[in-house]
Protein backbone atom coordinates (compact mmCIF):
# COMPACT_ATOMS: atom_id res chain seq x y z
CA MET A 1 38.92 15.86 31.55
CA PRO A 2 36.65 17.38 34.24
CA LEU A 3 32.93 17.39 33.46
CA THR A 4 32.73 21.21 33.46
CA LYS A 5 35.35 21.40 30.74
CA GLN A 6 33.47 18.77 28.73
CA LEU A 7 30.33 20.91 28.86
CA ILE A 8 32.24 23.95 27.66
CA VAL A 9 33.49 21.96 24.67
CA VAL A 10 30.02 20.58 23.80
CA ILE A 11 27.70 23.55 24.25
CA GLY A 12 27.61 26.09 21.44
CA VAL A 13 29.70 24.12 18.93
CA LEU A 14 29.07 21.31 16.44
CA VAL A 15 30.22 18.12 18.12
CA PRO A 16 30.52 14.87 16.09
CA MET A 17 28.92 11.94 17.92
CA PHE A 18 28.91 8.12 17.53
CA ALA A 19 30.74 8.38 14.18
CA PHE A 20 33.60 6.13 13.18
CA ALA A 21 36.40 7.19 10.85
CA GLN A 22 36.00 4.10 8.71
CA ASP A 23 32.20 4.54 8.40
CA PRO A 24 31.24 6.19 5.06
CA ARG A 25 28.11 7.69 6.61
CA PRO A 26 28.28 11.38 7.52
CA PRO A 27 28.80 11.98 11.25
CA VAL A 28 25.97 12.96 13.57
CA PHE A 29 26.37 16.43 15.07
CA LEU A 30 24.73 18.08 18.02
CA GLU A 31 23.68 21.53 16.83
CA HIS A 32 22.10 22.78 20.05
CA ALA A 33 20.95 21.90 23.55
CA ASP A 34 20.07 24.23 26.40
CA SER A 35 22.00 22.00 28.81
CA VAL A 36 24.21 18.91 28.73
CA LEU A 37 25.11 16.48 31.51
CA GLY A 38 27.64 13.71 30.98
CA THR A 39 28.95 10.69 32.87
CA GLY A 40 31.63 8.14 32.05
CA THR A 41 34.41 8.37 29.49
CA GLN A 42 34.20 10.18 26.19
CA GLU A 43 34.35 6.81 24.37
CA SER A 44 31.71 4.90 26.36
CA GLY A 45 29.87 7.37 28.54
CA ILE A 46 26.32 8.70 28.61
CA ARG A 47 25.28 12.26 27.79
CA ARG A 48 21.91 13.79 28.59
CA TYR A 49 20.65 16.81 26.65
CA GLU A 50 17.78 19.04 27.79
CA GLY A 51 15.81 21.76 26.02
CA ASN A 52 15.58 22.53 22.30
CA VAL A 53 17.81 19.62 21.33
CA ARG A 54 18.85 19.51 17.66
CA PHE A 55 20.92 16.88 15.83
CA ARG A 56 21.97 16.65 12.19
CA GLN A 57 23.34 13.82 10.04
CA GLY A 58 23.75 14.73 6.38
CA ASN A 59 20.36 15.97 5.15
CA VAL A 60 18.53 14.59 8.20
CA THR A 61 17.66 16.84 11.13
CA VAL A 62 16.21 15.75 14.47
CA ARG A 63 14.60 17.93 17.14
CA SER A 64 13.39 16.92 20.58
CA ASP A 65 12.74 18.26 24.08
CA ARG A 66 15.45 16.05 25.54
CA ALA A 67 17.80 13.26 24.53
CA THR A 68 20.12 10.64 26.01
CA GLU A 69 23.22 9.61 24.05
CA TYR A 70 24.86 6.23 24.60
CA ILE A 71 28.31 6.79 23.14
CA GLY A 72 29.54 3.21 23.23
CA ALA A 73 26.35 1.88 21.63
CA ASN A 74 26.39 4.68 19.04
CA SER A 75 22.73 5.47 19.68
CA VAL A 76 20.56 8.20 21.15
CA ASP A 77 17.09 8.21 22.71
CA LEU A 78 15.02 11.26 21.84
CA MET A 79 12.00 12.15 23.98
CA GLY A 80 9.24 14.70 24.13
CA ARG A 81 8.18 16.42 20.93
CA VAL A 82 10.47 14.55 18.53
CA VAL A 83 10.56 15.73 14.90
CA VAL A 84 12.68 14.02 12.22
CA ARG A 85 12.99 15.80 8.86
CA GLN A 86 14.50 14.76 5.56
CA GLY A 87 13.61 16.80 2.51
CA ASP A 88 9.84 17.31 2.51
CA MET A 89 9.26 14.35 4.86
CA GLU A 90 8.52 15.03 8.52
CA LEU A 91 8.12 12.34 11.19
CA GLN A 92 6.68 13.16 14.62
CA ALA A 93 6.57 10.94 17.70
CA PRO A 94 6.93 11.21 21.49
CA PHE A 95 9.85 8.77 21.58
CA VAL A 96 12.48 7.95 18.95
CA THR A 97 15.64 5.84 19.18
CA TYR A 98 18.27 6.67 16.56
CA ASP A 99 20.88 3.99 15.81
CA GLY A 100 23.98 5.70 14.39
CA ASN A 101 25.55 2.41 13.30
CA LEU A 102 22.57 1.47 11.13
CA ALA A 103 21.32 5.03 10.50
CA ILE A 104 17.82 3.92 11.51
CA ALA A 105 15.23 5.75 13.57
CA ARG A 106 12.72 3.71 15.58
CA ALA A 107 9.66 5.66 16.70
CA ARG A 108 6.91 4.58 19.07
CA GLY A 109 4.11 5.91 21.20
CA GLY A 110 2.07 7.23 18.25
CA VAL A 111 3.74 8.22 14.98
CA PHE A 112 2.66 10.85 12.47
CA VAL A 113 4.36 11.29 9.08
CA ARG A 114 3.69 13.98 6.50
CA GLU A 115 5.22 14.12 3.03
CA GLY A 116 3.59 16.42 0.51
CA SER A 117 -0.10 15.56 0.45
CA ARG A 118 0.42 12.14 2.05
CA THR A 119 -0.03 11.52 5.79
CA ILE A 120 0.52 8.30 7.74
CA ARG A 121 -0.44 7.49 11.32
CA ALA A 122 0.62 4.42 13.30
CA HIS A 123 1.64 3.32 16.78
CA GLU A 124 5.19 2.46 15.71
CA ALA A 125 7.56 3.09 12.80
CA VAL A 126 11.09 2.31 11.64
CA TYR A 127 12.71 4.76 9.22
CA SER A 128 15.98 4.50 7.26
CA PRO A 129 17.14 7.88 5.92
CA GLU A 130 19.66 6.13 3.65
CA THR A 131 17.14 3.89 1.85
CA ARG A 132 14.35 6.44 2.37
CA GLN A 133 12.12 3.58 3.45
CA ALA A 134 9.72 3.61 6.41
CA THR A 135 7.84 0.66 7.89
CA PHE A 136 4.81 1.29 10.10
CA SER A 137 2.99 -1.13 12.40
CA ARG A 138 -0.14 -1.34 14.56
CA ASP A 139 -3.28 0.43 13.37
CA VAL A 140 -1.73 2.12 10.36
CA LEU A 141 -3.77 4.73 8.49
CA ALA A 142 -2.40 6.45 5.35
CA GLN A 143 -4.04 9.06 3.15
CA ASP A 144 -3.11 11.09 0.09
CA ASP A 145 -5.01 12.99 -2.60
CA SER A 146 -6.62 9.85 -4.00
CA VAL A 147 -6.81 6.99 -1.48
CA ILE A 148 -7.12 6.13 2.20
CA VAL A 149 -5.48 2.91 3.44
CA GLY A 150 -5.83 1.19 6.81
CA SER A 151 -3.77 -1.89 7.70
CA ASP A 152 -1.87 -3.76 10.40
CA ALA A 153 1.47 -2.83 8.82
CA MET A 154 2.76 -0.77 5.93
CA THR A 155 6.00 0.09 4.13
CA LEU A 156 6.50 3.42 2.36
CA HIS A 157 9.20 3.67 -0.30
CA ARG A 158 9.78 7.41 -0.44
CA THR A 159 11.82 7.41 -3.65
CA SER A 160 9.19 5.56 -5.70
CA ARG A 161 6.26 6.59 -3.45
CA VAL A 162 5.08 2.98 -3.53
CA ILE A 163 3.07 1.80 -0.51
CA GLU A 164 2.93 -1.85 0.53
CA ALA A 165 0.28 -2.64 3.15
CA TRP A 166 -0.51 -5.99 4.72
CA GLY A 167 -2.50 -7.55 7.52
CA ARG A 168 -6.22 -6.97 6.99
CA VAL A 169 -5.99 -4.06 4.56
CA VAL A 170 -8.98 -1.76 3.99
CA MET A 171 -8.65 0.90 1.30
CA SER A 172 -10.96 3.38 -0.38
CA THR A 173 -10.87 6.33 -2.72
CA VAL A 174 -11.26 9.63 -0.86
CA ASP A 175 -14.81 10.04 -2.24
CA SER A 176 -15.80 6.53 -1.06
CA ALA A 177 -16.75 5.52 -4.62
CA THR A 178 -14.41 2.50 -4.47
CA TRP A 179 -13.52 0.27 -1.50
CA ILE A 180 -10.95 -2.53 -1.51
CA VAL A 181 -10.17 -5.24 1.06
CA GLY A 182 -7.34 -7.79 0.95
CA ASP A 183 -4.60 -9.53 2.85
CA SER A 184 -2.04 -7.24 1.20
CA VAL A 185 -2.18 -4.24 -1.14
CA THR A 186 0.56 -2.55 -3.17
CA HIS A 187 -0.18 0.96 -4.42
CA ASP A 188 2.02 2.66 -7.02
CA PRO A 189 0.69 6.23 -7.43
CA LYS A 190 3.04 7.04 -10.32
CA VAL A 191 1.33 4.55 -12.61
CA LYS A 192 -1.96 4.57 -10.65
CA GLN A 193 -1.83 0.86 -10.04
CA PHE A 194 -3.05 -1.39 -7.21
CA VAL A 195 -2.25 -5.07 -6.65
CA VAL A 196 -4.41 -6.83 -4.05
CA ILE A 197 -3.34 -10.33 -2.97
CA GLY A 198 -5.32 -12.73 -0.80
CA ASN A 199 -9.09 -12.58 -0.17
CA ALA A 200 -9.33 -9.56 -2.46
CA ARG A 201 -12.69 -7.76 -2.59
CA LEU A 202 -13.77 -4.61 -4.36
CA TRP A 203 -16.88 -2.44 -4.32
CA SER A 204 -17.03 0.20 -7.05
CA GLN A 205 -19.83 2.72 -7.41
CA ALA A 206 -20.24 4.41 -10.80
CA ARG A 207 -19.38 8.08 -10.28
CA SER A 208 -21.59 9.25 -13.13
CA GLN A 209 -24.68 7.82 -11.43
CA ARG A 210 -23.97 8.76 -7.81
CA ASP A 211 -25.66 11.48 -5.75
CA VAL A 212 -24.39 13.07 -2.58
CA ASN A 213 -26.43 10.78 -0.35
CA SER A 214 -25.36 7.51 -1.98
CA VAL A 215 -21.88 7.50 -0.40
CA THR A 216 -23.28 6.04 2.81
CA ASP A 217 -25.46 3.49 1.02
CA ILE A 218 -23.36 0.36 1.40
CA GLY A 219 -26.11 -2.04 0.42
CA THR A 220 -26.70 -5.53 1.73
CA PRO A 221 -24.97 -8.76 0.69
CA ASP A 222 -27.65 -9.60 -1.88
CA SER A 223 -29.01 -6.13 -2.56
CA LEU A 224 -26.23 -3.85 -3.76
CA PRO A 225 -26.97 -0.31 -4.87
CA ALA A 226 -27.97 -0.50 -8.53
CA ASP A 227 -24.80 1.27 -9.70
CA THR A 228 -22.36 -0.72 -7.55
CA LEU A 229 -20.07 -3.43 -8.92
CA TYR A 230 -18.77 -6.09 -6.53
CA LEU A 231 -15.73 -8.18 -7.43
CA GLU A 232 -13.75 -10.74 -5.44
CA ALA A 233 -10.81 -13.03 -6.28
CA ASP A 234 -7.60 -14.48 -4.93
CA THR A 235 -5.74 -11.61 -6.64
CA LEU A 236 -6.90 -8.28 -8.08
CA HIS A 237 -4.81 -6.05 -10.33
CA LEU A 238 -6.28 -2.57 -10.82
CA LEU A 239 -5.12 0.17 -13.17
CA TYR A 240 -6.55 3.72 -13.12
CA GLN A 241 -5.22 5.90 -15.95
CA GLY A 242 -8.18 7.97 -17.10
CA TYR A 243 -9.96 4.63 -17.50
CA VAL A 244 -10.18 1.52 -15.34
CA ARG A 245 -8.77 -1.92 -16.04
CA ARG A 246 -9.29 -4.77 -13.59
CA TRP A 247 -7.75 -8.24 -13.65
CA ALA A 248 -9.14 -10.83 -11.24
CA ARG A 249 -7.36 -14.17 -10.96
CA GLY A 250 -8.33 -17.25 -8.99
CA ASN A 251 -11.95 -17.75 -7.93
CA ALA A 252 -13.03 -14.54 -9.64
CA ASN A 253 -16.62 -13.70 -8.68
CA LEU A 254 -18.59 -10.68 -9.88
CA ARG A 255 -21.92 -9.20 -8.86
CA HIS A 256 -23.53 -6.20 -10.57
CA GLY A 257 -27.27 -5.64 -10.42
CA ASN A 258 -29.01 -8.86 -11.45
CA VAL A 259 -25.85 -10.13 -13.22
CA ALA A 260 -23.41 -12.45 -11.45
CA SER A 261 -20.50 -14.55 -12.66
CA ARG A 262 -17.86 -17.07 -11.60
CA SER A 263 -14.63 -17.83 -13.45
CA ARG A 264 -10.96 -18.48 -12.86
CA VAL A 265 -9.98 -15.23 -14.63
CA LEU A 266 -11.86 -11.98 -15.19
CA PHE A 267 -10.66 -8.97 -17.15
CA GLN A 268 -12.58 -5.70 -17.24
CA ASP A 269 -11.61 -2.80 -19.51
CA ASP A 270 -13.74 0.31 -19.07
CA SER A 271 -12.13 1.96 -22.09
CA LEU A 272 -13.53 -0.86 -24.26
CA GLU A 273 -16.60 -1.25 -22.02
CA VAL A 274 -16.15 -5.03 -21.88
CA VAL A 275 -15.73 -7.76 -19.28
CA THR A 276 -14.06 -11.02 -20.36
CA LEU A 277 -14.49 -14.24 -18.37
CA SER A 278 -12.31 -17.31 -18.92
CA GLY A 279 -11.55 -20.53 -17.10
CA ALA A 280 -14.85 -22.44 -16.72
CA PRO A 281 -16.96 -19.25 -16.67
CA ILE A 282 -20.57 -19.19 -15.51
CA LEU A 283 -22.76 -16.11 -15.87
CA TRP A 284 -26.21 -15.63 -14.38
CA SER A 285 -28.72 -13.00 -15.49
CA ASP A 286 -32.16 -13.07 -13.91
CA SER A 287 -33.26 -16.72 -14.16
CA SER A 288 -30.88 -17.57 -17.02
CA GLN A 289 -27.44 -19.12 -16.92
CA LEU A 290 -24.73 -18.91 -19.59
CA THR A 291 -21.60 -21.08 -19.85
CA GLY A 292 -18.84 -21.67 -22.39
CA ASP A 293 -15.07 -21.67 -22.83
CA SER A 294 -15.11 -17.86 -22.57
CA ILE A 295 -17.78 -15.19 -22.07
CA ILE A 296 -17.60 -11.54 -23.14
CA VAL A 297 -19.92 -8.97 -21.57
CA TYR A 298 -20.43 -5.68 -23.37
CA ALA A 299 -21.51 -3.16 -20.72
CA PRO A 300 -21.36 0.52 -21.73
CA LYS A 301 -21.69 2.81 -18.69
CA GLN A 302 -21.85 -0.35 -16.55
CA ARG A 303 -25.15 -1.43 -18.12
CA VAL A 304 -25.13 -4.87 -19.76
CA ARG A 305 -26.11 -4.70 -23.43
CA LYS A 306 -24.70 -7.87 -24.98
CA LEU A 307 -23.38 -11.26 -23.82
CA THR A 308 -21.31 -13.53 -26.04
CA SER A 309 -20.29 -17.09 -25.15
CA ARG A 310 -17.69 -18.86 -27.30
CA GLY A 311 -16.74 -22.52 -27.38
CA ALA A 312 -19.22 -25.12 -26.07
CA ALA A 313 -21.67 -22.29 -25.40
CA PHE A 314 -24.76 -23.24 -23.42
CA MET A 315 -27.70 -21.18 -22.15
CA VAL A 316 -30.23 -22.47 -19.62
CA SER A 317 -33.38 -20.73 -18.33
CA ARG A 318 -36.10 -21.87 -15.98
CA SER A 319 -39.27 -22.74 -17.86
CA GLY A 320 -42.47 -21.89 -16.02
CA SER A 321 -42.67 -22.49 -12.28
CA SER A 322 -41.38 -26.07 -12.34
CA ASP A 323 -38.02 -26.83 -10.72
CA ASP A 324 -37.33 -29.53 -13.32
CA ARG A 325 -38.20 -27.78 -16.59
CA PHE A 326 -35.38 -25.84 -18.23
CA ASP A 327 -35.30 -24.19 -21.64
CA GLN A 328 -31.93 -24.90 -23.23
CA ILE A 329 -29.93 -23.72 -26.22
CA SER A 330 -26.37 -24.65 -27.25
CA GLY A 331 -23.89 -23.94 -30.04
CA ALA A 332 -20.30 -23.06 -30.77
CA ARG A 333 -21.27 -19.43 -30.15
CA ILE A 334 -24.23 -17.77 -28.43
CA GLU A 335 -25.02 -14.04 -28.51
CA ILE A 336 -27.57 -12.53 -26.13
CA ASP A 337 -28.97 -9.02 -26.53
CA VAL A 338 -30.09 -7.32 -23.32
CA GLU A 339 -32.14 -4.18 -22.79
CA GLN A 340 -32.99 -2.71 -19.39
CA ASP A 341 -31.58 -5.82 -17.69
CA THR A 342 -33.98 -8.08 -19.65
CA ILE A 343 -33.04 -10.56 -22.40
CA GLN A 344 -34.45 -9.50 -25.78
CA GLU A 345 -32.89 -11.99 -28.22
CA VAL A 346 -30.64 -15.07 -28.27
CA PHE A 347 -28.69 -16.11 -31.36
CA ALA A 348 -26.92 -19.51 -31.42
CA GLN A 349 -24.53 -20.42 -34.26
CA ASP A 350 -22.72 -23.52 -35.57
CA ASP A 351 -24.33 -26.86 -34.69
CA ALA A 352 -27.03 -25.07 -32.73
CA LYS A 353 -29.51 -27.06 -30.63
CA SER A 354 -32.54 -26.03 -28.64
CA LEU A 355 -34.96 -27.60 -26.22
CA TYR A 356 -37.98 -25.56 -25.12
CA PHE A 357 -40.93 -26.52 -22.96
CA ARG A 358 -44.23 -25.30 -24.36
CA PHE A 359 -47.04 -23.61 -22.45
CA GLU A 360 -50.50 -22.27 -23.18
CA GLY A 361 -50.90 -19.70 -20.46
CA ASP A 362 -49.74 -21.55 -17.35
CA ASP A 363 -50.67 -24.98 -18.72
CA PRO A 364 -47.71 -27.15 -19.88
CA GLN A 365 -47.99 -28.46 -23.42
CA GLY A 366 -44.96 -30.73 -23.84
CA LEU A 367 -41.72 -29.65 -25.51
CA ALA A 368 -39.97 -29.04 -28.83
CA GLN A 369 -36.37 -30.16 -29.47
CA PHE A 370 -34.58 -29.05 -32.66
CA ALA A 371 -31.11 -28.74 -34.19
CA SER A 372 -30.00 -26.51 -37.08
CA ASP A 373 -27.12 -24.43 -38.37
CA SER A 374 -28.31 -21.46 -36.28
CA ILE A 375 -31.18 -20.57 -33.98
CA ARG A 376 -32.65 -17.16 -33.21
CA VAL A 377 -34.98 -16.74 -30.22
CA SER A 378 -36.95 -13.56 -29.52
CA PHE A 379 -38.10 -12.86 -25.94
CA LEU A 380 -41.04 -10.97 -24.51
CA GLN A 381 -40.79 -9.88 -20.87
CA GLY A 382 -37.96 -12.32 -20.34
CA GLN A 383 -39.81 -15.35 -21.80
CA PRO A 384 -39.27 -17.00 -25.26
CA GLU A 385 -41.83 -15.61 -27.71
CA ASP A 386 -40.62 -16.64 -31.17
CA ILE A 387 -38.04 -19.28 -32.24
CA ARG A 388 -36.56 -19.54 -35.73
CA TRP A 389 -34.36 -22.44 -36.85
CA LEU A 390 -32.19 -21.67 -39.89
CA GLY A 391 -30.40 -24.19 -42.14
CA GLY A 392 -30.41 -27.99 -41.90
CA VAL A 393 -33.37 -28.06 -39.52
CA ARG A 394 -34.18 -31.35 -37.81
CA GLY A 395 -36.12 -32.00 -34.66
CA GLU A 396 -39.03 -33.49 -32.81
CA GLN A 397 -41.88 -32.56 -30.46
CA HIS A 398 -43.21 -34.44 -27.46
CA PRO A 399 -46.74 -34.08 -26.04
CA GLU A 400 -47.36 -33.29 -22.40
CA ASN A 401 -48.51 -36.79 -21.50
CA VAL A 402 -45.07 -38.08 -22.53
CA VAL A 403 -43.07 -35.30 -20.84
CA ALA A 404 -44.92 -35.03 -17.52
CA GLY A 405 -42.95 -36.69 -14.68
CA ARG A 406 -39.94 -37.26 -16.96
CA GLU A 407 -38.71 -33.64 -17.24
CA THR A 408 -35.17 -34.48 -16.00
CA GLU A 409 -34.68 -36.85 -18.96
CA TYR A 410 -34.85 -33.96 -21.41
CA ARG A 411 -31.42 -32.42 -21.30
CA LEU A 412 -29.11 -31.36 -24.12
CA THR A 413 -25.53 -32.59 -24.02
CA GLY A 414 -23.50 -30.30 -21.77
CA PHE A 415 -26.45 -29.29 -19.57
CA GLN A 416 -25.58 -27.94 -16.12
CA TRP A 417 -27.57 -25.85 -13.66
CA ASN A 418 -25.58 -24.09 -10.97
CA THR A 419 -27.26 -22.47 -7.97
CA ASP A 420 -24.13 -21.12 -6.27
CA ARG A 421 -24.20 -17.67 -7.87
CA PRO A 422 -21.93 -15.22 -6.02
CA ARG A 423 -23.27 -13.06 -3.23
CA ALA A 424 -21.77 -9.68 -2.42
CA ALA A 425 -20.05 -9.29 0.94
CA GLN A 426 -20.97 -6.27 2.99
CA ARG A 427 -18.77 -3.26 2.40
CA PRO A 428 -16.53 -2.10 5.29
CA HIS A 429 -17.51 1.02 7.18
CA SER A 430 -14.11 2.55 7.97
CA HIS A 431 -10.32 2.17 7.59
CA GLY A 432 -8.68 2.99 10.90
CA GLY A 433 -9.40 2.79 14.60
CA SER A 434 -12.65 0.85 14.43
CA TRP A 435 -11.90 -0.51 10.96
CA ARG A 436 -10.92 -3.89 12.42
CA SER A 437 -14.54 -4.47 13.40
CA ALA A 438 -15.87 -3.78 9.91
CA VAL A 439 -18.09 -6.63 8.74
CA ILE A 440 -16.48 -8.49 5.84
CA GLU A 441 -18.53 -11.60 5.34
CA SER A 442 -21.13 -13.17 3.08
CA THR A 443 -23.82 -14.89 5.10
CA SER A 444 -27.04 -13.97 3.33
CA THR A 445 -29.46 -16.33 1.67
CA GLU A 446 -29.57 -16.92 -2.04
CA PRO A 447 -31.84 -14.43 -3.89
């Protein structure tokens, strides 16, 4: 058929293109083009469309300034201002290749996607209208009503609205109250859930205590803002449903004010206002250290009020200015009351033991070592002021001339002193563009 007759057939009518009778997919139609040029046969030729080009396949529409159709390959290149629409989703890019066999659009040259309140920017994207799944790559930046996510790559599942991001992910809430970093992040907005896998780190600033200027206060590795919680682990699982629940698994480290902890597992429930540590937990508060099989921290409004250690509980505190003198208390259970970040009272139960170095002013006066059913210690300005042994009391005291130079020999069974308390990494500064250069490291000295 002469080319002029082909143009008459194509222009102004709906023409099915690169569709096979046995393919269950709906055919692709050309709805409009200002001009059409064609070469080759109708089965394997090339057609070029110019000006206000519009295609449709089922509920998918495509617009572009120009397009080239490769009939034998069942594909079309769309160029210029390309817009792909399906439902309330709109994809924009300067260049898109649509594969009719696979029903997949490949966009490059700078991609912008809008769906409802969510927007995504990237250099490249692959979109399947059938599965309603889009995968973005190279400097991806996504934002919706609640979060902003930057990553190397990202997959959007439009049906479930789940986002999976990977490759140096940086995420924050839109108000910058919470920042998250990890190797990969999955966000399910329907259940308000995040799963962060690999080198997971979180900075969370208490909204109730923030002012408008504190958003830019990112702190330093060992000097976080007073209302900021820092948490890191191999994996973080976060749930936001009117309250916050956080699970940290594998090398779970926490830093909040003068409190720090290490454990294999950490669980925080803001609705119960508790943090539970398990798996060889260690908790530091000021110059004191607490260990046990598990540790529970009661922290209403993110202020520590009570610490409870269960199972082989052990508390150690520096005594005076000596590096070798440590006050110690152990028991099956230890409860510590805290007020304004300072220990007020310690209560040890069940086979309780204590070892305290004595001072008159700054002068050492030996030590007292006792065991009893329970021990209650009152503190004044962070130092032991009054000790009461209750039930089955037995013990001994040693004068200074016996203790001096032999301080390391006076240790209760189970004693350990750990100096590797966690340090907070510096919070990232941005998500996209320059976000790759954000400092994510912990190089400061121990406080």
